[in-house]
């Protein structure tokens, strides 16, 4: 990534202390979507990282993975699938509970959303502890699809989320690291 692009992206990220609970430093990437140039740069950089990959679908993780994932899917001519919080998708779904940095959560995916032989990229805004990413990888695999890569805008290295993906044999592409 060109230094001026990295500078633009970093300038649109806010650090919010003690949110959603005391002790957590929340990285707010919504400013990237609000700036057309930054949003376009994110999608372009994702595409650059995936140049040699055939992708059938992009799975966006609720909620901030939706806009980035949908934009990537459109730019690749791929389908877009949502991995959602409980109760947002009609049955039949696969569901997994997982641990977060500050609690637990559940993620769901339609059982018929993907299938054997489908090549999938998972997109989210931030990779922290890897709980959400790991759950999504496992859900996609339950459908029979192959996870080509996990693409995130920001990886928070000290939380070691990459290790959860490495354990699953999934390539992590992070545009920025902190």
Protein backbone atom coordinates (compact mmCIF):
# COMPACT_ATOMS: atom_id res chain seq x y z
CA UNK A 1 0.00 0.00 0.00
CA UNK A 2 1.27 3.43 -0.88
CA UNK A 3 2.20 5.56 2.17
CA UNK A 4 -0.29 8.28 1.24
CA UNK A 5 -3.12 5.71 1.08
CA UNK A 6 -2.14 4.28 4.46
CA UNK A 7 -2.03 7.80 5.91
CA UNK A 8 -5.50 8.55 4.52
CA UNK A 9 -6.96 5.36 6.00
CA UNK A 10 -5.34 5.83 9.39
CA UNK A 11 -6.57 9.43 9.53
CA UNK A 12 -10.18 8.23 9.28
CA UNK A 13 -9.96 5.78 12.21
CA UNK A 14 -10.97 6.96 15.68
CA UNK A 15 -9.77 5.38 18.93
CA UNK A 16 -12.50 5.39 21.57
CA UNK A 17 -11.35 4.68 25.12
CA UNK A 18 -13.39 2.46 27.46
CA UNK A 19 -16.01 1.38 24.94
CA UNK A 20 -18.04 -0.83 24.95
CA UNK A 21 -16.71 -1.57 28.44
CA UNK A 22 -14.00 -0.04 30.64
CA UNK A 23 -10.51 -1.06 29.59
CA UNK A 24 -11.33 -1.64 25.90
CA UNK A 25 -9.84 0.69 23.30
CA UNK A 26 -12.37 0.53 20.47
CA UNK A 27 -11.12 1.16 16.94
CA UNK A 28 -13.94 2.92 15.09
CA UNK A 29 -13.57 2.51 11.33
CA UNK A 30 -16.90 4.07 10.34
CA UNK A 31 -15.04 7.20 9.24
CA UNK A 32 -13.57 5.18 6.38
CA UNK A 33 -17.05 4.67 4.95
CA UNK A 34 -18.02 8.31 5.41
CA UNK A 35 -15.13 9.46 3.22
CA UNK A 36 -15.65 8.39 -0.40
CA UNK A 37 -11.96 8.51 -1.22
CA UNK A 38 -11.04 6.39 1.83
CA UNK A 39 -13.87 3.91 1.21
CA UNK A 40 -12.81 3.50 -2.42
CA UNK A 41 -9.20 3.05 -1.33
CA UNK A 42 -10.18 0.27 1.10
CA UNK A 43 -12.01 -1.65 -1.62
CA UNK A 44 -9.16 -1.10 -4.10
CA UNK A 45 -6.60 -2.36 -1.59
CA UNK A 46 -8.72 -5.44 -0.81
CA UNK A 47 -8.89 -6.16 -4.53
CA UNK A 48 -5.13 -5.70 -4.90
CA UNK A 49 -4.56 -8.29 -2.19
CA UNK A 50 -6.92 -10.78 -3.89
CA UNK A 51 -5.82 -10.23 -7.50
CA UNK A 52 -4.93 -13.86 -8.22
CA UNK A 53 -7.87 -15.42 -6.36
CA UNK A 54 -11.09 -16.75 -7.86
CA UNK A 55 -13.94 -15.84 -5.49
CA UNK A 56 -17.55 -17.01 -5.77
CA UNK A 57 -18.96 -15.23 -2.72
CA UNK A 58 -17.96 -12.70 -0.10
CA UNK A 59 -19.27 -13.19 3.44
CA UNK A 60 -19.59 -10.00 5.47
CA UNK A 61 -19.65 -10.24 9.25
CA UNK A 62 -22.31 -8.16 11.03
CA UNK A 63 -22.31 -5.30 11.09
CA UNK A 64 -19.29 -3.41 9.85
CA UNK A 65 -18.26 -6.24 7.55
CA UNK A 66 -21.44 -5.65 5.54
CA UNK A 67 -20.56 -2.42 3.69
CA UNK A 68 -16.94 -3.39 3.06
CA UNK A 69 -17.87 -6.93 2.05
CA UNK A 70 -20.72 -5.83 -0.20
CA UNK A 71 -18.51 -3.29 -1.96
CA UNK A 72 -15.81 -5.94 -2.48
CA UNK A 73 -18.39 -8.42 -3.81
CA UNK A 74 -19.72 -5.89 -6.34
CA UNK A 75 -16.21 -5.00 -7.49
CA UNK A 76 -15.40 -8.71 -7.97
CA UNK A 77 -18.69 -9.72 -9.58
CA UNK A 78 -19.25 -12.11 -6.65
CA UNK A 79 -22.28 -12.85 -4.52
CA UNK A 80 -22.65 -11.35 -1.05
CA UNK A 81 -23.71 -13.35 2.02
CA UNK A 82 -24.32 -12.04 5.55
CA UNK A 83 -23.12 -13.67 8.77
CA UNK A 84 -25.54 -12.31 11.36
CA UNK A 85 -26.28 -12.01 15.05
CA UNK A 86 -28.92 -14.42 16.40
CA UNK A 87 -32.53 -13.99 15.37
CA UNK A 88 -31.81 -11.91 12.24
CA UNK A 89 -31.98 -14.73 9.68
CA UNK A 90 -34.92 -17.04 9.10
CA UNK A 91 -34.25 -20.74 9.68
CA UNK A 92 -32.47 -22.94 8.78
CA UNK A 93 -29.16 -21.58 10.07
CA UNK A 94 -25.88 -22.82 11.42
CA UNK A 95 -25.04 -21.03 14.70
CA UNK A 96 -21.85 -20.82 16.75
CA UNK A 97 -21.22 -19.19 20.11
CA UNK A 98 -17.73 -17.78 20.59
CA UNK A 99 -15.66 -15.67 22.98
CA UNK A 100 -14.93 -11.99 22.50
CA UNK A 101 -12.38 -9.78 24.17
CA UNK A 102 -15.16 -8.67 26.53
CA UNK A 103 -17.73 -11.50 26.63
CA UNK A 104 -19.44 -14.01 24.37
CA UNK A 105 -21.53 -13.74 21.23
CA UNK A 106 -23.22 -15.91 18.63
CA UNK A 107 -23.01 -15.77 14.86
CA UNK A 108 -25.41 -17.35 12.36
CA UNK A 109 -25.27 -18.23 8.66
CA UNK A 110 -27.97 -19.68 6.41
CA UNK A 111 -27.35 -23.38 5.93
CA UNK A 112 -28.00 -23.10 2.20
CA UNK A 113 -26.08 -19.83 1.67
CA UNK A 114 -23.02 -21.55 0.25
CA UNK A 115 -22.05 -25.08 -0.73
CA UNK A 116 -19.45 -27.56 -1.88
CA UNK A 117 -16.86 -26.10 -4.21
CA UNK A 118 -17.73 -22.46 -3.49
CA UNK A 119 -14.71 -20.21 -2.85
CA UNK A 120 -15.38 -17.61 -0.18
CA UNK A 121 -13.62 -14.54 1.20
CA UNK A 122 -14.74 -13.39 4.65
CA UNK A 123 -14.64 -9.63 5.32
CA UNK A 124 -14.74 -7.70 8.59
CA UNK A 125 -13.45 -4.34 9.70
CA UNK A 126 -11.22 -5.36 12.62
CA UNK A 127 -9.43 -8.54 13.65
CA UNK A 128 -8.98 -8.47 17.43
CA UNK A 129 -9.04 -11.74 19.42
CA UNK A 130 -10.19 -13.75 16.42
CA UNK A 131 -13.33 -15.10 18.07
CA UNK A 132 -15.73 -13.66 15.51
CA UNK A 133 -13.46 -14.51 12.57
CA UNK A 134 -12.93 -18.06 13.82
CA UNK A 135 -16.66 -18.60 14.27
CA UNK A 136 -17.36 -17.29 10.77
CA UNK A 137 -14.68 -19.53 9.25
CA UNK A 138 -16.23 -22.53 11.00
CA UNK A 139 -19.75 -21.57 9.85
CA UNK A 140 -18.67 -21.18 6.22
CA UNK A 141 -16.98 -24.59 6.36
CA UNK A 142 -20.15 -26.16 7.76
CA UNK A 143 -21.82 -25.28 4.45
CA UNK A 144 -19.10 -27.16 2.57
CA UNK A 145 -17.52 -24.04 1.10
CA UNK A 146 -13.80 -23.23 1.08
CA UNK A 147 -12.49 -20.14 2.87
CA UNK A 148 -9.95 -18.53 0.55
CA UNK A 149 -9.00 -15.73 2.97
CA UNK A 150 -10.13 -13.47 5.78
CA UNK A 151 -9.76 -9.82 4.80
CA UNK A 152 -9.81 -7.11 7.47
CA UNK A 153 -9.01 -3.44 7.37
CA UNK A 154 -7.28 -3.33 10.76
CA UNK A 155 -5.54 -6.08 12.70
CA UNK A 156 -4.87 -5.45 16.40
CA UNK A 157 -1.77 -7.60 16.70
CA UNK A 158 -1.34 -7.87 20.45
CA UNK A 159 -4.76 -9.56 20.76
CA UNK A 160 -3.45 -12.44 18.60
CA UNK A 161 -6.55 -12.99 16.48
CA UNK A 162 -4.39 -14.08 13.57
CA UNK A 163 -3.42 -17.18 15.57
CA UNK A 164 -7.05 -18.40 15.61
CA UNK A 165 -7.16 -18.09 11.84
CA UNK A 166 -3.73 -19.71 11.42
CA UNK A 167 -4.97 -22.67 13.50
CA UNK A 168 -7.75 -23.09 10.94
CA UNK A 169 -5.36 -22.81 7.99
CA UNK A 170 -6.87 -19.55 6.73
CA UNK A 171 -4.83 -16.74 5.20
CA UNK A 172 -5.34 -13.38 6.91
CA UNK A 173 -5.06 -10.23 4.84
CA UNK A 174 -4.97 -7.07 6.93
CA UNK A 175 -4.64 -3.71 5.24
CA UNK A 176 -3.44 -2.00 8.44
CA UNK A 177 -1.91 -3.26 11.69
CA UNK A 178 -1.77 -1.74 15.12
